[in-house]
Amino acid sequence: MRPQVLFLTLAVLGVLAALPLSKGKEEGGTLAKKAANQAWPCCDKCGLCLLSFPPQCNCLDFWQGGCHPACRNCLMFTTSGSVHEPPVYRCADFLYNYCERRCTPEPDVV
């Protein structure tokens, strides 16, 4: 009986050791940064969605100022031959529920 109790105790301790202790004591203002980044991801023009639950989608929105800092695959597009126009950027990440929220309010239909 004692080996089973020892094994069970070690298993419970292993599970407890794997759990995070606290998320409220992060240093350097990372909680404030995470709160500021909660507005992303958002998308006005949804692109390809993979068949998963929840769906993984990419977005076809273009931005002039660059991609969001959390974007891992930012693509830059320039107009051919024009030096005067700034480049536009598109985040090519596939994210869960990417197209769930719009970046701009939906226009009112009158």
N, C-alpha and C. Protein backbone atom coordinates (compact mmCIF):
# COMPACT_ATOMS: atom_id res chain seq x y z
N MET A 1 0.83 -1.20 0.00
CA MET A 1 0.00 0.00 0.00
C MET A 1 0.87 1.25 0.00
N ARG A 2 2.00 1.25 0.65
CA ARG A 2 2.83 2.45 0.76
C ARG A 2 3.41 2.91 -0.58
N PRO A 3 3.82 2.01 -1.50
CA PRO A 3 4.33 2.52 -2.79
C PRO A 3 3.27 3.26 -3.58
N GLN A 4 1.99 2.83 -3.49
CA GLN A 4 0.93 3.53 -4.21
C GLN A 4 0.70 4.93 -3.63
N VAL A 5 0.75 5.06 -2.32
CA VAL A 5 0.57 6.36 -1.67
C VAL A 5 1.72 7.29 -2.04
N LEU A 6 2.94 6.77 -2.06
CA LEU A 6 4.10 7.58 -2.43
C LEU A 6 3.99 8.03 -3.88
N PHE A 7 3.59 7.13 -4.76
CA PHE A 7 3.44 7.47 -6.17
C PHE A 7 2.36 8.52 -6.37
N LEU A 8 1.24 8.38 -5.70
CA LEU A 8 0.15 9.35 -5.80
C LEU A 8 0.58 10.72 -5.28
N THR A 9 1.32 10.74 -4.17
CA THR A 9 1.80 12.00 -3.61
C THR A 9 2.76 12.69 -4.57
N LEU A 10 3.66 11.95 -5.18
CA LEU A 10 4.59 12.53 -6.15
C LEU A 10 3.86 13.05 -7.38
N ALA A 11 2.82 12.35 -7.82
CA ALA A 11 2.06 12.80 -8.98
C ALA A 11 1.33 14.12 -8.67
N VAL A 12 0.74 14.22 -7.50
CA VAL A 12 0.04 15.46 -7.11
C VAL A 12 1.04 16.61 -6.98
N LEU A 13 2.19 16.37 -6.41
CA LEU A 13 3.21 17.41 -6.30
C LEU A 13 3.71 17.85 -7.67
N GLY A 14 3.84 16.92 -8.58
CA GLY A 14 4.27 17.27 -9.94
C GLY A 14 3.26 18.16 -10.65
N VAL A 15 1.99 17.86 -10.48
CA VAL A 15 0.95 18.68 -11.10
C VAL A 15 0.93 20.07 -10.47
N LEU A 16 1.04 20.14 -9.16
CA LEU A 16 1.04 21.45 -8.49
C LEU A 16 2.27 22.27 -8.85
N ALA A 17 3.40 21.63 -9.05
CA ALA A 17 4.62 22.36 -9.42
C ALA A 17 4.52 22.91 -10.83
N ALA A 18 3.73 22.29 -11.70
CA ALA A 18 3.60 22.76 -13.07
C ALA A 18 2.66 23.94 -13.20
N LEU A 19 1.80 24.19 -12.22
CA LEU A 19 0.86 25.29 -12.28
C LEU A 19 1.56 26.61 -11.98
N PRO A 20 1.16 27.70 -12.67
CA PRO A 20 1.75 29.01 -12.35
C PRO A 20 1.28 29.48 -10.98
N LEU A 21 2.18 30.15 -10.26
CA LEU A 21 1.83 30.60 -8.92
C LEU A 21 0.92 31.81 -8.94
N SER A 22 1.32 32.83 -9.72
CA SER A 22 0.53 34.05 -9.74
C SER A 22 0.82 34.80 -11.00
N LYS A 23 -0.20 35.42 -11.57
CA LYS A 23 0.00 36.26 -12.74
C LYS A 23 -0.08 37.74 -12.37
N GLY A 24 -0.36 38.05 -11.14
CA GLY A 24 -0.50 39.43 -10.73
C GLY A 24 0.80 40.10 -10.33
N LYS A 25 1.89 39.35 -10.24
CA LYS A 25 3.14 39.92 -9.78
C LYS A 25 4.16 40.05 -10.90
N GLU A 26 3.69 40.28 -12.13
CA GLU A 26 4.62 40.45 -13.24
C GLU A 26 5.30 41.81 -13.11
N GLU A 27 6.56 41.84 -13.48
CA GLU A 27 7.36 43.06 -13.29
C GLU A 27 7.39 43.90 -14.56
N GLY A 28 7.78 45.13 -14.40
CA GLY A 28 8.05 46.01 -15.51
C GLY A 28 6.83 46.51 -16.26
N GLY A 29 5.67 46.47 -15.67
CA GLY A 29 4.49 47.00 -16.32
C GLY A 29 3.97 46.12 -17.44
N THR A 30 4.28 44.84 -17.44
CA THR A 30 3.81 43.97 -18.52
C THR A 30 2.30 43.79 -18.46
N LEU A 31 1.71 43.91 -17.29
CA LEU A 31 0.25 43.82 -17.22
C LEU A 31 -0.39 45.00 -17.94
N ALA A 32 0.20 46.18 -17.81
CA ALA A 32 -0.33 47.34 -18.51
C ALA A 32 -0.15 47.19 -20.02
N LYS A 33 0.96 46.60 -20.45
CA LYS A 33 1.18 46.37 -21.87
C LYS A 33 0.18 45.37 -22.41
N LYS A 34 -0.10 44.32 -21.65
CA LYS A 34 -1.07 43.32 -22.09
C LYS A 34 -2.46 43.94 -22.19
N ALA A 35 -2.80 44.80 -21.26
CA ALA A 35 -4.11 45.46 -21.30
C ALA A 35 -4.22 46.36 -22.53
N ALA A 36 -3.13 47.02 -22.89
CA ALA A 36 -3.14 47.89 -24.07
C ALA A 36 -3.25 47.08 -25.35
N ASN A 37 -2.75 45.85 -25.36
CA ASN A 37 -2.78 45.02 -26.55
C ASN A 37 -4.04 44.18 -26.67
N GLN A 38 -4.99 44.32 -25.77
CA GLN A 38 -6.19 43.50 -25.84
C GLN A 38 -7.09 43.91 -26.99
N ALA A 39 -6.88 45.07 -27.56
CA ALA A 39 -7.69 45.51 -28.68
C ALA A 39 -7.32 44.75 -29.95
N TRP A 40 -6.22 44.05 -29.96
CA TRP A 40 -5.78 43.26 -31.10
C TRP A 40 -5.97 41.81 -30.76
N PRO A 41 -6.33 40.91 -31.57
CA PRO A 41 -6.52 41.08 -33.01
C PRO A 41 -7.92 41.56 -33.37
N CYS A 42 -7.97 42.33 -34.41
CA CYS A 42 -9.24 42.76 -34.98
C CYS A 42 -9.07 42.78 -36.49
N CYS A 43 -10.16 42.67 -37.21
CA CYS A 43 -10.06 42.59 -38.66
C CYS A 43 -11.34 43.11 -39.29
N ASP A 44 -11.19 43.93 -40.32
CA ASP A 44 -12.35 44.42 -41.07
C ASP A 44 -12.61 43.58 -42.33
N LYS A 45 -11.54 43.07 -42.94
CA LYS A 45 -11.68 42.27 -44.16
C LYS A 45 -11.03 40.92 -43.94
N CYS A 46 -11.85 39.93 -43.62
CA CYS A 46 -11.36 38.60 -43.28
C CYS A 46 -10.90 37.86 -44.54
N GLY A 47 -9.80 37.13 -44.40
CA GLY A 47 -9.27 36.36 -45.52
C GLY A 47 -9.58 34.89 -45.37
N LEU A 48 -8.58 34.07 -45.57
CA LEU A 48 -8.72 32.62 -45.53
C LEU A 48 -8.87 32.14 -44.10
N CYS A 49 -9.81 31.23 -43.87
CA CYS A 49 -9.99 30.62 -42.55
C CYS A 49 -9.78 29.11 -42.68
N LEU A 50 -9.03 28.55 -41.75
CA LEU A 50 -8.79 27.11 -41.72
C LEU A 50 -9.94 26.43 -40.99
N LEU A 51 -10.21 25.18 -41.36
CA LEU A 51 -11.31 24.44 -40.74
C LEU A 51 -10.84 23.89 -39.40
N SER A 52 -11.02 24.66 -38.38
CA SER A 52 -10.70 24.24 -37.02
C SER A 52 -11.74 24.87 -36.11
N PHE A 53 -11.75 24.46 -34.87
CA PHE A 53 -12.69 25.05 -33.93
C PHE A 53 -11.94 25.51 -32.69
N PRO A 54 -11.90 26.78 -32.38
CA PRO A 54 -12.41 27.90 -33.16
C PRO A 54 -11.58 28.09 -34.43
N PRO A 55 -12.14 28.76 -35.45
CA PRO A 55 -11.42 28.87 -36.72
C PRO A 55 -10.16 29.72 -36.60
N GLN A 56 -9.15 29.31 -37.36
CA GLN A 56 -7.92 30.10 -37.49
C GLN A 56 -8.02 30.85 -38.81
N CYS A 57 -7.92 32.17 -38.76
CA CYS A 57 -8.10 32.98 -39.96
C CYS A 57 -6.92 33.94 -40.12
N ASN A 58 -6.77 34.45 -41.34
CA ASN A 58 -5.86 35.57 -41.53
C ASN A 58 -6.67 36.76 -42.01
N CYS A 59 -6.08 37.91 -41.96
CA CYS A 59 -6.79 39.16 -42.23
C CYS A 59 -6.18 39.83 -43.46
N LEU A 60 -7.00 40.49 -44.26
CA LEU A 60 -6.53 41.17 -45.46
C LEU A 60 -6.50 42.69 -45.30
N ASP A 61 -6.57 43.18 -44.06
CA ASP A 61 -6.49 44.62 -43.81
C ASP A 61 -5.07 45.12 -44.06
N PHE A 62 -4.96 46.32 -44.60
CA PHE A 62 -3.66 46.97 -44.80
C PHE A 62 -3.55 48.18 -43.88
N TRP A 63 -2.37 48.43 -43.38
CA TRP A 63 -2.11 49.54 -42.46
C TRP A 63 -0.91 50.33 -42.95
N GLN A 64 -0.96 51.65 -42.84
CA GLN A 64 0.15 52.47 -43.30
C GLN A 64 1.26 52.60 -42.26
N GLY A 65 0.92 52.54 -40.99
CA GLY A 65 1.92 52.76 -39.96
C GLY A 65 2.74 51.53 -39.60
N GLY A 66 2.39 50.37 -40.13
CA GLY A 66 3.08 49.14 -39.78
C GLY A 66 2.13 48.19 -39.06
N CYS A 67 2.61 46.99 -38.82
CA CYS A 67 1.79 45.96 -38.16
C CYS A 67 1.79 46.16 -36.65
N HIS A 68 0.87 45.50 -35.99
CA HIS A 68 0.81 45.49 -34.54
C HIS A 68 2.08 44.82 -34.01
N PRO A 69 2.61 45.26 -32.86
CA PRO A 69 3.83 44.66 -32.32
C PRO A 69 3.71 43.16 -32.05
N ALA A 70 2.52 42.64 -31.82
CA ALA A 70 2.35 41.22 -31.55
C ALA A 70 2.30 40.38 -32.83
N CYS A 71 2.27 41.01 -33.99
CA CYS A 71 2.23 40.29 -35.26
C CYS A 71 3.60 39.66 -35.51
N ARG A 72 3.60 38.37 -35.85
CA ARG A 72 4.86 37.66 -36.07
C ARG A 72 5.26 37.62 -37.53
N ASN A 73 4.33 37.84 -38.46
CA ASN A 73 4.63 37.75 -39.87
C ASN A 73 4.07 38.97 -40.58
N CYS A 74 4.79 40.09 -40.51
CA CYS A 74 4.35 41.35 -41.09
C CYS A 74 4.90 41.48 -42.51
N LEU A 75 4.00 41.71 -43.47
CA LEU A 75 4.39 41.85 -44.87
C LEU A 75 4.31 43.31 -45.27
N MET A 76 5.33 43.79 -46.00
CA MET A 76 5.35 45.17 -46.47
C MET A 76 5.08 45.18 -47.97
N PHE A 77 4.19 46.06 -48.41
CA PHE A 77 3.86 46.20 -49.82
C PHE A 77 4.15 47.63 -50.25
N THR A 78 4.79 47.77 -51.40
CA THR A 78 5.07 49.10 -51.96
C THR A 78 4.46 49.17 -53.35
N THR A 79 4.18 50.39 -53.78
CA THR A 79 3.68 50.57 -55.14
C THR A 79 4.88 50.59 -56.07
N SER A 80 4.74 49.97 -57.21
CA SER A 80 5.88 49.85 -58.13
C SER A 80 6.18 51.19 -58.78
N GLY A 81 7.43 51.61 -58.67
CA GLY A 81 7.91 52.81 -59.34
C GLY A 81 7.60 54.11 -58.63
N SER A 82 6.80 54.13 -57.60
CA SER A 82 6.44 55.37 -56.92
C SER A 82 7.24 55.49 -55.63
N VAL A 83 8.05 56.54 -55.55
CA VAL A 83 8.86 56.77 -54.37
C VAL A 83 8.10 57.61 -53.35
N HIS A 84 7.08 58.33 -53.80
CA HIS A 84 6.40 59.30 -52.94
C HIS A 84 5.34 58.68 -52.04
N GLU A 85 4.88 57.49 -52.34
CA GLU A 85 3.84 56.87 -51.52
C GLU A 85 4.48 55.96 -50.48
N PRO A 86 4.02 56.07 -49.22
CA PRO A 86 4.59 55.20 -48.18
C PRO A 86 4.12 53.76 -48.36
N PRO A 87 4.89 52.81 -47.87
CA PRO A 87 4.47 51.41 -47.98
C PRO A 87 3.29 51.12 -47.06
N VAL A 88 2.57 50.07 -47.38
CA VAL A 88 1.48 49.59 -46.54
C VAL A 88 1.87 48.21 -46.02
N TYR A 89 1.31 47.84 -44.87
CA TYR A 89 1.68 46.59 -44.20
C TYR A 89 0.45 45.74 -43.95
N ARG A 90 0.67 44.42 -43.93
CA ARG A 90 -0.41 43.48 -43.63
C ARG A 90 0.15 42.37 -42.75
N CYS A 91 -0.56 42.05 -41.69
CA CYS A 91 -0.16 40.96 -40.80
C CYS A 91 -0.67 39.66 -41.41
N ALA A 92 0.21 38.72 -41.71
CA ALA A 92 -0.14 37.47 -42.37
C ALA A 92 -0.26 36.31 -41.40
N ASP A 93 -0.41 36.60 -40.11
CA ASP A 93 -0.56 35.54 -39.12
C ASP A 93 -1.92 34.86 -39.25
N PHE A 94 -1.97 33.57 -38.95
CA PHE A 94 -3.23 32.85 -38.79
C PHE A 94 -3.50 32.78 -37.30
N LEU A 95 -4.58 33.41 -36.86
CA LEU A 95 -4.91 33.47 -35.44
C LEU A 95 -6.31 32.96 -35.20
N TYR A 96 -6.52 32.41 -34.00
CA TYR A 96 -7.85 31.97 -33.61
C TYR A 96 -8.76 33.18 -33.45
N ASN A 97 -9.95 33.10 -34.01
CA ASN A 97 -10.97 34.15 -33.91
C ASN A 97 -10.46 35.51 -34.37
N TYR A 98 -9.59 35.51 -35.39
CA TYR A 98 -9.02 36.77 -35.89
C TYR A 98 -10.12 37.70 -36.41
N CYS A 99 -11.12 37.15 -37.06
CA CYS A 99 -12.14 37.96 -37.70
C CYS A 99 -13.38 38.15 -36.82
N GLU A 100 -13.26 37.84 -35.55
CA GLU A 100 -14.40 37.96 -34.64
C GLU A 100 -14.75 39.41 -34.35
N ARG A 101 -13.73 40.27 -34.21
CA ARG A 101 -13.96 41.69 -33.87
C ARG A 101 -13.53 42.57 -35.04
N ARG A 102 -14.31 43.60 -35.32
CA ARG A 102 -13.92 44.58 -36.34
C ARG A 102 -13.02 45.64 -35.71
N CYS A 103 -12.11 46.20 -36.52
CA CYS A 103 -11.23 47.27 -36.06
C CYS A 103 -11.95 48.61 -36.09
N THR A 104 -12.83 48.78 -37.03
CA THR A 104 -13.60 50.03 -37.15
C THR A 104 -15.07 49.68 -36.92
N PRO A 105 -15.85 50.62 -36.42
CA PRO A 105 -17.27 50.34 -36.20
C PRO A 105 -17.99 50.06 -37.52
N GLU A 106 -18.94 49.17 -37.46
CA GLU A 106 -19.71 48.82 -38.64
C GLU A 106 -20.55 50.03 -39.07
N PRO A 107 -20.57 50.35 -40.37
CA PRO A 107 -21.36 51.51 -40.80
C PRO A 107 -22.85 51.26 -40.61
N ASP A 108 -23.55 52.33 -40.24
CA ASP A 108 -25.00 52.24 -40.06
C ASP A 108 -25.69 52.15 -41.41
N VAL A 109 -26.62 51.24 -41.54
CA VAL A 109 -27.38 51.11 -42.78
C VAL A 109 -28.67 51.88 -42.60
N VAL A 110 -28.88 52.84 -43.51
CA VAL A 110 -30.07 53.70 -43.42
C VAL A 110 -31.06 53.32 -44.46
